[in-house]
Amino acid sequence: MSASPVIGVLGLQGDSREHLAALRAAGAEAVVVRRPAELAAVQGLVLPGGESTVIDKLLRIFELRDPLVERIADGLPVYGSCAGMILLADRVLDGTHDQQTLGGLDVTVRRNAFGRQVDSFETDLEVDGVSDRAWPSPGAEDAGPVHAVFIRAPWVEQAGPGVEALGVVPEGPAAGTIVAVRAGNLLATSFHPEITGDTRVHRLFAEMVRAA
């Protein structure tokens, strides 16, 4: 694989532009994915934040759902942030009656767990594999906590034995709640690293793509 992996960002709904910018800053070649042929051409995929129920419906309308499920099963590296975490989860609580997920990640996720838009918040948290390292390339971030932004965010209520919890809320009423996980080639966060200017989560994902 080339030093600059080709990573797609699902561009049906949500903050795809911010993920594209973060991936490029992390040294990846980033492209928008809206069609099955575009999905077939990428080596990794980001599922952005947005509205999980809307993205679910659009995946079916654009005939992306089945090929994406197949590629995830075949080992495609995928990173999901916020709504993307919901889409990767095998089980969702508080979803709509007809909501489907792509699955692949053995977790139970509670949709809008932290509350409505007005309950959005920010905090600094330790994320394994991110907070404990610095990237040596020019412009990369130093080691240290990740400044996490939560917007109508989900959380992980239960994680299967093959899922590694990378980060938990450090304090407050939700202290100890899992908000970042990894299982094999799948990575997910409840928060939005793409809007903070800290590209370390995207650098971690780019490394996962290269390794795959």
N, C-alpha and C. Protein backbone atom coordinates (compact mmCIF):
# COMPACT_ATOMS: atom_id res chain seq x y z
N MET A 1 0.84 -1.19 0.00
CA MET A 1 0.00 0.00 0.00
C MET A 1 0.88 1.24 0.00
N SER A 2 0.39 2.29 -0.65
CA SER A 2 1.15 3.53 -0.72
C SER A 2 1.21 4.19 0.64
N ALA A 3 2.15 5.14 0.77
CA ALA A 3 2.29 5.87 2.02
C ALA A 3 1.07 6.73 2.29
N SER A 4 0.32 7.08 1.26
CA SER A 4 -0.89 7.88 1.42
C SER A 4 -2.10 7.03 1.06
N PRO A 5 -2.71 6.39 2.04
CA PRO A 5 -3.85 5.52 1.74
C PRO A 5 -5.04 6.32 1.22
N VAL A 6 -5.83 5.70 0.37
CA VAL A 6 -7.04 6.32 -0.14
C VAL A 6 -8.19 6.01 0.81
N ILE A 7 -8.67 7.02 1.49
CA ILE A 7 -9.73 6.84 2.49
C ILE A 7 -10.95 7.64 2.05
N GLY A 8 -12.08 6.97 2.00
CA GLY A 8 -13.32 7.62 1.63
C GLY A 8 -14.04 8.18 2.84
N VAL A 9 -14.84 9.19 2.61
CA VAL A 9 -15.75 9.73 3.61
C VAL A 9 -17.16 9.64 3.04
N LEU A 10 -18.05 8.95 3.71
CA LEU A 10 -19.41 8.84 3.23
C LEU A 10 -20.03 10.23 3.13
N GLY A 11 -20.50 10.59 1.94
CA GLY A 11 -20.95 11.95 1.70
C GLY A 11 -22.44 12.08 1.48
N LEU A 12 -23.24 11.25 2.12
CA LEU A 12 -24.69 11.30 1.93
C LEU A 12 -25.35 12.34 2.82
N GLN A 13 -24.86 12.49 4.04
CA GLN A 13 -25.41 13.46 5.00
C GLN A 13 -24.43 13.56 6.15
N GLY A 14 -24.32 14.74 6.74
CA GLY A 14 -23.44 14.92 7.89
C GLY A 14 -22.21 15.74 7.54
N ASP A 15 -21.26 15.77 8.46
CA ASP A 15 -20.12 16.68 8.33
C ASP A 15 -18.95 16.02 7.59
N SER A 16 -19.18 15.63 6.36
CA SER A 16 -18.14 14.96 5.57
C SER A 16 -16.98 15.89 5.24
N ARG A 17 -17.26 17.18 5.01
CA ARG A 17 -16.19 18.11 4.62
C ARG A 17 -15.12 18.21 5.70
N GLU A 18 -15.51 18.25 6.95
CA GLU A 18 -14.55 18.35 8.05
C GLU A 18 -13.68 17.10 8.16
N HIS A 19 -14.27 15.93 7.92
CA HIS A 19 -13.48 14.70 7.94
C HIS A 19 -12.50 14.65 6.78
N LEU A 20 -12.92 15.11 5.62
CA LEU A 20 -12.01 15.15 4.47
C LEU A 20 -10.78 15.99 4.79
N ALA A 21 -11.01 17.16 5.40
CA ALA A 21 -9.89 18.05 5.74
C ALA A 21 -8.98 17.41 6.78
N ALA A 22 -9.56 16.76 7.79
CA ALA A 22 -8.76 16.14 8.84
C ALA A 22 -7.93 14.97 8.29
N LEU A 23 -8.51 14.19 7.39
CA LEU A 23 -7.78 13.08 6.80
C LEU A 23 -6.61 13.57 5.95
N ARG A 24 -6.83 14.62 5.19
CA ARG A 24 -5.76 15.16 4.36
C ARG A 24 -4.64 15.72 5.23
N ALA A 25 -5.02 16.37 6.34
CA ALA A 25 -4.01 16.86 7.27
C ALA A 25 -3.25 15.72 7.93
N ALA A 26 -3.88 14.55 8.00
CA ALA A 26 -3.25 13.37 8.60
C ALA A 26 -2.42 12.59 7.59
N GLY A 27 -2.33 13.08 6.36
CA GLY A 27 -1.47 12.45 5.37
C GLY A 27 -2.15 11.44 4.47
N ALA A 28 -3.48 11.39 4.49
CA ALA A 28 -4.20 10.45 3.63
C ALA A 28 -4.73 11.16 2.39
N GLU A 29 -5.01 10.38 1.37
CA GLU A 29 -5.74 10.87 0.21
C GLU A 29 -7.22 10.64 0.50
N ALA A 30 -7.98 11.71 0.63
CA ALA A 30 -9.37 11.62 1.07
C ALA A 30 -10.32 11.93 -0.08
N VAL A 31 -11.34 11.09 -0.25
CA VAL A 31 -12.31 11.26 -1.33
C VAL A 31 -13.72 11.06 -0.78
N VAL A 32 -14.69 11.67 -1.45
CA VAL A 32 -16.09 11.51 -1.07
C VAL A 32 -16.63 10.21 -1.67
N VAL A 33 -17.44 9.50 -0.91
CA VAL A 33 -18.07 8.27 -1.38
C VAL A 33 -19.58 8.45 -1.37
N ARG A 34 -20.19 8.33 -2.55
CA ARG A 34 -21.64 8.40 -2.65
C ARG A 34 -22.21 7.27 -3.53
N ARG A 35 -21.35 6.53 -4.19
CA ARG A 35 -21.79 5.50 -5.12
C ARG A 35 -21.02 4.20 -4.86
N PRO A 36 -21.62 3.05 -5.20
CA PRO A 36 -20.92 1.78 -5.00
C PRO A 36 -19.54 1.73 -5.66
N ALA A 37 -19.40 2.30 -6.86
CA ALA A 37 -18.10 2.27 -7.53
C ALA A 37 -17.06 3.06 -6.75
N GLU A 38 -17.48 4.15 -6.12
CA GLU A 38 -16.56 4.95 -5.31
C GLU A 38 -16.16 4.19 -4.06
N LEU A 39 -17.10 3.47 -3.46
CA LEU A 39 -16.80 2.65 -2.30
C LEU A 39 -15.79 1.56 -2.64
N ALA A 40 -15.94 0.96 -3.82
CA ALA A 40 -15.06 -0.13 -4.22
C ALA A 40 -13.62 0.33 -4.40
N ALA A 41 -13.42 1.65 -4.59
CA ALA A 41 -12.09 2.16 -4.90
C ALA A 41 -11.29 2.59 -3.67
N VAL A 42 -11.90 2.59 -2.47
CA VAL A 42 -11.20 3.10 -1.29
C VAL A 42 -10.64 1.96 -0.45
N GLN A 43 -9.62 2.32 0.36
CA GLN A 43 -8.97 1.35 1.24
C GLN A 43 -9.43 1.48 2.68
N GLY A 44 -10.20 2.50 2.97
CA GLY A 44 -10.77 2.71 4.29
C GLY A 44 -11.93 3.68 4.13
N LEU A 45 -12.79 3.77 5.14
CA LEU A 45 -13.97 4.62 5.04
C LEU A 45 -14.28 5.27 6.38
N VAL A 46 -14.68 6.54 6.33
CA VAL A 46 -15.16 7.25 7.51
C VAL A 46 -16.66 7.44 7.40
N LEU A 47 -17.38 7.09 8.45
CA LEU A 47 -18.81 7.36 8.57
C LEU A 47 -18.95 8.58 9.47
N PRO A 48 -19.37 9.73 8.92
CA PRO A 48 -19.34 10.98 9.68
C PRO A 48 -20.52 11.12 10.64
N GLY A 49 -20.42 12.15 11.47
CA GLY A 49 -21.55 12.52 12.30
C GLY A 49 -22.67 13.08 11.45
N GLY A 50 -23.86 13.09 11.99
CA GLY A 50 -25.04 13.55 11.27
C GLY A 50 -26.26 12.98 11.94
N GLU A 51 -27.23 12.57 11.16
CA GLU A 51 -28.44 11.95 11.69
C GLU A 51 -28.44 10.49 11.26
N SER A 52 -28.28 9.60 12.21
CA SER A 52 -28.09 8.19 11.88
C SER A 52 -29.26 7.59 11.12
N THR A 53 -30.49 7.99 11.46
CA THR A 53 -31.66 7.44 10.78
C THR A 53 -31.72 7.90 9.33
N VAL A 54 -31.32 9.15 9.08
CA VAL A 54 -31.31 9.68 7.71
C VAL A 54 -30.22 8.98 6.89
N ILE A 55 -29.02 8.84 7.47
CA ILE A 55 -27.93 8.18 6.76
C ILE A 55 -28.32 6.74 6.44
N ASP A 56 -28.97 6.07 7.38
CA ASP A 56 -29.43 4.70 7.17
C ASP A 56 -30.34 4.63 5.94
N LYS A 57 -31.30 5.52 5.84
CA LYS A 57 -32.22 5.51 4.70
C LYS A 57 -31.51 5.84 3.39
N LEU A 58 -30.60 6.80 3.44
CA LEU A 58 -29.87 7.19 2.23
C LEU A 58 -28.94 6.09 1.75
N LEU A 59 -28.36 5.33 2.67
CA LEU A 59 -27.52 4.19 2.27
C LEU A 59 -28.31 3.22 1.41
N ARG A 60 -29.57 3.02 1.75
CA ARG A 60 -30.40 2.10 0.98
C ARG A 60 -30.82 2.73 -0.35
N ILE A 61 -31.16 4.01 -0.33
CA ILE A 61 -31.57 4.71 -1.56
C ILE A 61 -30.44 4.72 -2.58
N PHE A 62 -29.21 4.96 -2.11
CA PHE A 62 -28.06 5.04 -3.01
C PHE A 62 -27.42 3.66 -3.26
N GLU A 63 -28.09 2.60 -2.78
CA GLU A 63 -27.63 1.22 -3.00
C GLU A 63 -26.22 0.99 -2.49
N LEU A 64 -25.93 1.60 -1.35
CA LEU A 64 -24.62 1.46 -0.72
C LEU A 64 -24.64 0.50 0.46
N ARG A 65 -25.80 0.25 1.03
CA ARG A 65 -25.84 -0.51 2.27
C ARG A 65 -25.27 -1.92 2.11
N ASP A 66 -25.77 -2.68 1.17
CA ASP A 66 -25.33 -4.07 1.02
C ASP A 66 -23.85 -4.17 0.68
N PRO A 67 -23.34 -3.40 -0.31
CA PRO A 67 -21.90 -3.51 -0.56
C PRO A 67 -21.04 -3.06 0.60
N LEU A 68 -21.52 -2.11 1.40
CA LEU A 68 -20.75 -1.66 2.55
C LEU A 68 -20.74 -2.72 3.64
N VAL A 69 -21.88 -3.36 3.88
CA VAL A 69 -21.92 -4.46 4.84
C VAL A 69 -20.95 -5.56 4.43
N GLU A 70 -20.90 -5.86 3.13
CA GLU A 70 -19.99 -6.89 2.64
C GLU A 70 -18.53 -6.50 2.82
N ARG A 71 -18.20 -5.25 2.55
CA ARG A 71 -16.83 -4.81 2.70
C ARG A 71 -16.40 -4.78 4.16
N ILE A 72 -17.30 -4.39 5.05
CA ILE A 72 -16.99 -4.43 6.49
C ILE A 72 -16.70 -5.87 6.91
N ALA A 73 -17.53 -6.80 6.45
CA ALA A 73 -17.32 -8.21 6.79
C ALA A 73 -16.01 -8.73 6.22
N ASP A 74 -15.56 -8.15 5.11
CA ASP A 74 -14.30 -8.57 4.49
C ASP A 74 -13.08 -7.88 5.10
N GLY A 75 -13.30 -7.00 6.09
CA GLY A 75 -12.18 -6.40 6.79
C GLY A 75 -11.86 -4.96 6.43
N LEU A 76 -12.75 -4.27 5.70
CA LEU A 76 -12.50 -2.87 5.39
C LEU A 76 -12.34 -2.06 6.67
N PRO A 77 -11.26 -1.30 6.83
CA PRO A 77 -11.15 -0.41 7.99
C PRO A 77 -12.19 0.70 7.91
N VAL A 78 -12.94 0.88 8.97
CA VAL A 78 -13.99 1.90 9.01
C VAL A 78 -13.90 2.65 10.33
N TYR A 79 -13.98 3.97 10.26
CA TYR A 79 -14.05 4.80 11.46
C TYR A 79 -15.39 5.53 11.47
N GLY A 80 -16.13 5.41 12.55
CA GLY A 80 -17.40 6.09 12.70
C GLY A 80 -17.37 7.06 13.86
N SER A 81 -17.75 8.32 13.60
CA SER A 81 -17.84 9.31 14.68
C SER A 81 -19.30 9.67 14.90
N CYS A 82 -19.73 9.67 16.15
CA CYS A 82 -21.09 10.03 16.56
C CYS A 82 -22.12 9.17 15.82
N ALA A 83 -22.82 9.70 14.83
CA ALA A 83 -23.78 8.89 14.08
C ALA A 83 -23.09 7.68 13.45
N GLY A 84 -21.83 7.85 13.07
CA GLY A 84 -21.08 6.74 12.50
C GLY A 84 -20.89 5.60 13.48
N MET A 85 -20.74 5.92 14.77
CA MET A 85 -20.66 4.89 15.80
C MET A 85 -21.96 4.10 15.84
N ILE A 86 -23.09 4.80 15.75
CA ILE A 86 -24.40 4.13 15.77
C ILE A 86 -24.52 3.19 14.58
N LEU A 87 -24.08 3.65 13.41
CA LEU A 87 -24.19 2.84 12.20
C LEU A 87 -23.34 1.58 12.27
N LEU A 88 -22.21 1.63 12.98
CA LEU A 88 -21.35 0.46 13.09
C LEU A 88 -21.81 -0.52 14.17
N ALA A 89 -22.64 -0.07 15.08
CA ALA A 89 -23.03 -0.90 16.22
C ALA A 89 -23.92 -2.06 15.80
N ASP A 90 -23.73 -3.19 16.45
CA ASP A 90 -24.61 -4.33 16.22
C ASP A 90 -25.98 -4.12 16.85
N ARG A 91 -26.03 -3.33 17.94
CA ARG A 91 -27.28 -3.13 18.66
C ARG A 91 -27.44 -1.66 19.05
N VAL A 92 -28.66 -1.13 18.88
CA VAL A 92 -28.93 0.28 19.18
C VAL A 92 -30.14 0.39 20.10
N LEU A 93 -29.99 1.16 21.15
CA LEU A 93 -31.09 1.47 22.05
C LEU A 93 -31.64 2.86 21.72
N ASP A 94 -32.94 3.03 21.86
CA ASP A 94 -33.62 4.31 21.59
C ASP A 94 -33.57 4.71 20.12
N GLY A 95 -33.43 3.74 19.24
CA GLY A 95 -33.52 4.02 17.81
C GLY A 95 -34.97 4.06 17.36
N THR A 96 -35.19 4.43 16.12
CA THR A 96 -36.54 4.40 15.56
C THR A 96 -36.92 2.96 15.25
N HIS A 97 -38.22 2.73 15.08
CA HIS A 97 -38.70 1.35 14.93
C HIS A 97 -38.15 0.67 13.67
N ASP A 98 -37.85 1.47 12.63
CA ASP A 98 -37.37 0.88 11.37
C ASP A 98 -35.88 1.11 11.15
N GLN A 99 -35.16 1.56 12.17
CA GLN A 99 -33.74 1.89 12.00
C GLN A 99 -32.91 0.63 11.85
N GLN A 100 -32.02 0.66 10.86
CA GLN A 100 -31.07 -0.42 10.65
C GLN A 100 -29.66 0.12 10.83
N THR A 101 -28.74 -0.78 11.15
CA THR A 101 -27.33 -0.40 11.20
C THR A 101 -26.55 -1.27 10.23
N LEU A 102 -25.33 -0.87 9.97
CA LEU A 102 -24.43 -1.69 9.16
C LEU A 102 -23.89 -2.85 9.97
N GLY A 103 -23.67 -2.61 11.27
CA GLY A 103 -23.16 -3.64 12.15
C GLY A 103 -21.68 -3.90 11.94
N GLY A 104 -21.19 -4.90 12.62
CA GLY A 104 -19.79 -5.26 12.58
C GLY A 104 -19.07 -5.02 13.89
N LEU A 105 -19.59 -4.06 14.67
CA LEU A 105 -18.98 -3.71 15.95
C LEU A 105 -19.85 -4.27 17.07
N ASP A 106 -19.30 -5.19 17.85
CA ASP A 106 -20.07 -5.89 18.89
C ASP A 106 -20.26 -5.00 20.11
N VAL A 107 -21.12 -3.99 19.93
CA VAL A 107 -21.43 -3.07 21.02
C VAL A 107 -22.92 -2.78 21.02
N THR A 108 -23.41 -2.39 22.20
CA THR A 108 -24.76 -1.84 22.34
C THR A 108 -24.61 -0.34 22.56
N VAL A 109 -25.16 0.45 21.66
CA VAL A 109 -25.02 1.91 21.70
C VAL A 109 -26.38 2.53 22.01
N ARG A 110 -26.38 3.52 22.89
CA ARG A 110 -27.61 4.26 23.16
C ARG A 110 -27.60 5.56 22.36
N ARG A 111 -28.57 5.71 21.50
CA ARG A 111 -28.68 6.87 20.64
C ARG A 111 -29.06 8.11 21.45
N ASN A 112 -28.44 9.26 21.14
CA ASN A 112 -28.70 10.53 21.84
C ASN A 112 -28.59 10.37 23.36
N ALA A 113 -27.61 9.58 23.80
CA ALA A 113 -27.51 9.23 25.21
C ALA A 113 -27.25 10.44 26.11
N PHE A 114 -26.51 11.42 25.61
CA PHE A 114 -26.16 12.58 26.43
C PHE A 114 -27.24 13.67 26.42
N GLY A 115 -28.30 13.47 25.65
CA GLY A 115 -29.37 14.45 25.60
C GLY A 115 -29.49 15.13 24.25
N ARG A 116 -30.27 16.18 24.23
CA ARG A 116 -30.57 16.90 22.99
C ARG A 116 -29.44 17.87 22.65
N GLN A 117 -29.64 18.64 21.58
CA GLN A 117 -28.62 19.57 21.10
C GLN A 117 -28.15 20.52 22.20
N VAL A 118 -29.08 20.98 23.04
CA VAL A 118 -28.73 21.94 24.08
C VAL A 118 -27.86 21.32 25.16
N ASP A 119 -27.80 19.98 25.19
CA ASP A 119 -26.98 19.29 26.18
C ASP A 119 -25.58 18.96 25.65
N SER A 120 -25.25 19.48 24.47
CA SER A 120 -23.91 19.27 23.92
C SER A 120 -22.86 19.84 24.87
N PHE A 121 -21.68 19.20 24.90
CA PHE A 121 -20.65 19.65 25.84
C PHE A 121 -19.28 19.27 25.31
N GLU A 122 -18.24 19.79 25.96
CA GLU A 122 -16.86 19.51 25.60
C GLU A 122 -16.11 19.10 26.86
N THR A 123 -15.13 18.22 26.68
CA THR A 123 -14.30 17.80 27.80
C THR A 123 -12.98 17.26 27.27
N ASP A 124 -11.99 17.18 28.12
CA ASP A 124 -10.72 16.57 27.76
C ASP A 124 -10.70 15.14 28.29
N LEU A 125 -10.29 14.21 27.45
CA LEU A 125 -10.25 12.82 27.90
C LEU A 125 -9.06 12.09 27.31
N GLU A 126 -8.66 11.05 28.00
CA GLU A 126 -7.56 10.21 27.55
C GLU A 126 -8.10 9.15 26.58
N VAL A 127 -7.46 9.03 25.44
CA VAL A 127 -7.85 8.03 24.44
C VAL A 127 -6.63 7.16 24.16
N ASP A 128 -6.72 5.88 24.50
CA ASP A 128 -5.60 4.96 24.31
C ASP A 128 -5.18 4.93 22.84
N GLY A 129 -3.88 4.99 22.62
CA GLY A 129 -3.36 5.00 21.27
C GLY A 129 -3.32 6.36 20.63
N VAL A 130 -3.87 7.36 21.33
CA VAL A 130 -3.91 8.73 20.81
C VAL A 130 -3.28 9.69 21.82
N SER A 131 -3.82 9.71 23.04
CA SER A 131 -3.33 10.64 24.06
C SER A 131 -1.91 10.34 24.49
N ASP A 132 -1.53 9.06 24.39
CA ASP A 132 -0.24 8.64 24.93
C ASP A 132 0.89 8.68 23.90
N ARG A 133 0.66 9.35 22.77
CA ARG A 133 1.71 9.40 21.76
C ARG A 133 1.63 10.70 20.97
N ALA A 134 2.74 11.02 20.35
CA ALA A 134 2.81 12.18 19.45
C ALA A 134 3.26 11.69 18.09
N TRP A 135 2.80 12.36 17.05
CA TRP A 135 3.22 12.02 15.70
C TRP A 135 4.39 12.92 15.31
N PRO A 136 5.46 12.35 14.76
CA PRO A 136 6.67 13.13 14.50
C PRO A 136 6.62 13.97 13.23
N SER A 137 5.61 13.77 12.38
CA SER A 137 5.57 14.50 11.12
C SER A 137 5.29 15.98 11.34
N PRO A 138 5.71 16.84 10.42
CA PRO A 138 5.49 18.29 10.59
C PRO A 138 4.02 18.64 10.79
N GLY A 139 3.76 19.47 11.77
CA GLY A 139 2.41 19.92 12.03
C GLY A 139 1.58 18.96 12.87
N ALA A 140 2.13 17.80 13.22
CA ALA A 140 1.37 16.84 14.00
C ALA A 140 1.30 17.27 15.46
N GLU A 141 0.33 16.71 16.17
CA GLU A 141 0.09 17.13 17.54
C GLU A 141 0.99 16.40 18.53
N ASP A 142 1.21 17.05 19.67
CA ASP A 142 1.93 16.43 20.77
C ASP A 142 1.01 15.47 21.50
N ALA A 143 1.62 14.62 22.33
CA ALA A 143 0.83 13.73 23.17
C ALA A 143 0.06 14.55 24.20
N GLY A 144 -1.03 13.99 24.70
CA GLY A 144 -1.85 14.66 25.70
C GLY A 144 -3.31 14.35 25.50
N PRO A 145 -4.17 14.78 26.40
CA PRO A 145 -5.61 14.48 26.30
C PRO A 145 -6.21 14.99 24.99
N VAL A 146 -7.26 14.33 24.58
CA VAL A 146 -8.02 14.74 23.40
C VAL A 146 -9.15 15.66 23.87
N HIS A 147 -9.27 16.82 23.21
CA HIS A 147 -10.40 17.70 23.51
C HIS A 147 -11.60 17.19 22.71
N ALA A 148 -12.57 16.63 23.42
CA ALA A 148 -13.69 15.94 22.78
C ALA A 148 -14.94 16.80 22.81
N VAL A 149 -15.59 16.90 21.65
CA VAL A 149 -16.84 17.66 21.51
C VAL A 149 -17.98 16.66 21.28
N PHE A 150 -18.99 16.70 22.16
CA PHE A 150 -20.12 15.79 22.09
C PHE A 150 -21.37 16.57 21.67
N ILE A 151 -21.99 16.17 20.56
CA ILE A 151 -23.17 16.84 20.04
C ILE A 151 -24.26 15.80 19.81
N ARG A 152 -25.28 15.80 20.64
CA ARG A 152 -26.35 14.78 20.57
C ARG A 152 -25.72 13.40 20.44
N ALA A 153 -24.75 13.14 21.27
CA ALA A 153 -23.88 11.98 21.08
C ALA A 153 -24.45 10.69 21.68
N PRO A 154 -24.06 9.57 21.09
CA PRO A 154 -24.36 8.27 21.69
C PRO A 154 -23.29 7.92 22.72
N TRP A 155 -23.53 6.83 23.43
CA TRP A 155 -22.45 6.23 24.21
C TRP A 155 -22.58 4.72 24.11
N VAL A 156 -21.55 4.02 24.54
CA VAL A 156 -21.54 2.56 24.50
C VAL A 156 -21.98 2.03 25.85
N GLU A 157 -23.10 1.33 25.87
CA GLU A 157 -23.59 0.76 27.13
C GLU A 157 -23.02 -0.63 27.39
N GLN A 158 -22.68 -1.34 26.34
CA GLN A 158 -22.13 -2.68 26.52
C GLN A 158 -21.21 -2.97 25.35
N ALA A 159 -20.04 -3.53 25.66
CA ALA A 159 -19.07 -3.89 24.63
C ALA A 159 -18.74 -5.37 24.74
N GLY A 160 -18.71 -6.03 23.60
CA GLY A 160 -18.40 -7.45 23.56
C GLY A 160 -16.96 -7.73 23.92
N PRO A 161 -16.62 -9.00 24.11
CA PRO A 161 -15.27 -9.37 24.57
C PRO A 161 -14.16 -9.00 23.59
N GLY A 162 -14.48 -8.84 22.31
CA GLY A 162 -13.45 -8.50 21.34
C GLY A 162 -13.30 -7.01 21.10
N VAL A 163 -14.02 -6.20 21.88
CA VAL A 163 -14.00 -4.75 21.70
C VAL A 163 -13.16 -4.10 22.79
N GLU A 164 -12.22 -3.26 22.37
CA GLU A 164 -11.36 -2.54 23.31
C GLU A 164 -11.92 -1.15 23.57
N ALA A 165 -12.15 -0.82 24.84
CA ALA A 165 -12.58 0.53 25.20
C ALA A 165 -11.35 1.44 25.22
N LEU A 166 -11.33 2.43 24.34
CA LEU A 166 -10.18 3.33 24.23
C LEU A 166 -10.31 4.58 25.08
N GLY A 167 -11.55 4.97 25.39
CA GLY A 167 -11.73 6.21 26.15
C GLY A 167 -13.06 6.25 26.87
N VAL A 168 -13.06 6.86 28.05
CA VAL A 168 -14.29 7.02 28.85
C VAL A 168 -14.40 8.46 29.31
N VAL A 169 -15.63 8.88 29.58
CA VAL A 169 -15.86 10.21 30.11
C VAL A 169 -15.20 10.30 31.49
N PRO A 170 -14.36 11.33 31.73
CA PRO A 170 -13.58 11.36 32.97
C PRO A 170 -14.34 11.83 34.20
N GLU A 171 -15.38 12.62 34.04
CA GLU A 171 -16.05 13.19 35.21
C GLU A 171 -17.48 13.57 34.88
N GLY A 172 -18.22 13.97 35.92
CA GLY A 172 -19.61 14.38 35.74
C GLY A 172 -20.56 13.22 35.86
N PRO A 173 -21.86 13.45 35.58
CA PRO A 173 -22.88 12.40 35.74
C PRO A 173 -22.62 11.16 34.88
N ALA A 174 -21.93 11.34 33.75
CA ALA A 174 -21.67 10.22 32.85
C ALA A 174 -20.27 9.65 33.01
N ALA A 175 -19.59 9.96 34.11
CA ALA A 175 -18.22 9.51 34.33
C ALA A 175 -18.12 7.99 34.19
N GLY A 176 -17.11 7.54 33.45
CA GLY A 176 -16.89 6.12 33.24
C GLY A 176 -17.58 5.54 32.02
N THR A 177 -18.42 6.36 31.38
CA THR A 177 -19.12 5.90 30.19
C THR A 177 -18.15 5.76 29.02
N ILE A 178 -18.26 4.68 28.27
CA ILE A 178 -17.36 4.42 27.14
C ILE A 178 -17.76 5.28 25.95
N VAL A 179 -16.78 6.01 25.40
CA VAL A 179 -17.06 6.91 24.27
C VAL A 179 -16.08 6.73 23.11
N ALA A 180 -15.18 5.76 23.21
CA ALA A 180 -14.27 5.45 22.10
C ALA A 180 -13.93 3.97 22.17
N VAL A 181 -14.06 3.28 21.04
CA VAL A 181 -13.83 1.84 21.02
C VAL A 181 -13.10 1.44 19.74
N ARG A 182 -12.47 0.27 19.81
CA ARG A 182 -11.86 -0.31 18.62
C ARG A 182 -12.01 -1.82 18.68
N ALA A 183 -12.30 -2.42 17.54
CA ALA A 183 -12.32 -3.87 17.40
C ALA A 183 -11.76 -4.21 16.04
N GLY A 184 -10.55 -4.71 15.99
CA GLY A 184 -9.93 -5.03 14.72
C GLY A 184 -9.78 -3.80 13.84
N ASN A 185 -10.38 -3.82 12.67
CA ASN A 185 -10.29 -2.72 11.73
C ASN A 185 -11.39 -1.68 11.90
N LEU A 186 -12.18 -1.80 12.96
CA LEU A 186 -13.27 -0.85 13.19
C LEU A 186 -12.94 0.05 14.37
N LEU A 187 -13.13 1.34 14.19
CA LEU A 187 -12.85 2.36 15.20
C LEU A 187 -14.08 3.26 15.30
N ALA A 188 -14.45 3.65 16.51
CA ALA A 188 -15.62 4.51 16.67
C ALA A 188 -15.46 5.42 17.88
N THR A 189 -15.95 6.65 17.73
CA THR A 189 -15.96 7.60 18.84
C THR A 189 -17.33 8.26 18.92
N SER A 190 -17.76 8.56 20.14
CA SER A 190 -18.99 9.32 20.34
C SER A 190 -18.81 10.78 19.98
N PHE A 191 -17.58 11.24 20.06
CA PHE A 191 -17.30 12.67 19.88
C PHE A 191 -16.82 12.98 18.46
N HIS A 192 -16.59 14.26 18.21
CA HIS A 192 -16.28 14.77 16.87
C HIS A 192 -14.86 15.34 16.81
N PRO A 193 -13.83 14.51 16.59
CA PRO A 193 -12.47 15.07 16.51
C PRO A 193 -12.25 15.91 15.26
N GLU A 194 -13.10 15.75 14.26
CA GLU A 194 -12.90 16.45 13.00
C GLU A 194 -13.15 17.96 13.09
N ILE A 195 -13.77 18.42 14.18
CA ILE A 195 -14.10 19.85 14.27
C ILE A 195 -13.20 20.60 15.25
N THR A 196 -12.19 19.92 15.79
CA THR A 196 -11.35 20.57 16.81
C THR A 196 -9.98 20.98 16.30
N GLY A 197 -9.59 20.51 15.11
CA GLY A 197 -8.24 20.79 14.62
C GLY A 197 -7.20 19.80 15.10
N ASP A 198 -7.58 18.87 15.97
CA ASP A 198 -6.68 17.81 16.44
C ASP A 198 -6.89 16.61 15.53
N THR A 199 -5.87 16.27 14.75
CA THR A 199 -6.03 15.19 13.76
C THR A 199 -5.52 13.84 14.24
N ARG A 200 -5.25 13.70 15.53
CA ARG A 200 -4.63 12.45 15.99
C ARG A 200 -5.52 11.23 15.82
N VAL A 201 -6.82 11.36 16.00
CA VAL A 201 -7.71 10.22 15.78
C VAL A 201 -7.67 9.82 14.31
N HIS A 202 -7.65 10.80 13.43
CA HIS A 202 -7.58 10.51 12.00
C HIS A 202 -6.22 9.91 11.62
N ARG A 203 -5.16 10.34 12.29
CA ARG A 203 -3.84 9.74 12.05
C ARG A 203 -3.84 8.28 12.50
N LEU A 204 -4.46 8.01 13.63
CA LEU A 204 -4.57 6.63 14.08
C LEU A 204 -5.32 5.80 13.05
N PHE A 205 -6.42 6.34 12.54
CA PHE A 205 -7.19 5.58 11.56
C PHE A 205 -6.40 5.38 10.27
N ALA A 206 -5.67 6.40 9.84
CA ALA A 206 -4.85 6.26 8.63
C ALA A 206 -3.81 5.15 8.83
N GLU A 207 -3.26 5.05 10.03
CA GLU A 207 -2.31 3.96 10.32
C GLU A 207 -3.00 2.60 10.25
N MET A 208 -4.24 2.53 10.74
CA MET A 208 -5.00 1.29 10.66
C MET A 208 -5.21 0.88 9.20
N VAL A 209 -5.50 1.87 8.35
CA VAL A 209 -5.71 1.57 6.93
C VAL A 209 -4.43 1.08 6.30
N ARG A 210 -3.33 1.74 6.59
CA ARG A 210 -2.04 1.31 6.04
C ARG A 210 -1.71 -0.13 6.47
N ALA A 211 -1.97 -0.42 7.75
CA ALA A 211 -1.66 -1.75 8.27
C ALA A 211 -2.54 -2.84 7.66
N ALA A 212 -3.74 -2.45 7.23
CA ALA A 212 -4.67 -3.43 6.67
C ALA A 212 -4.32 -3.79 5.24
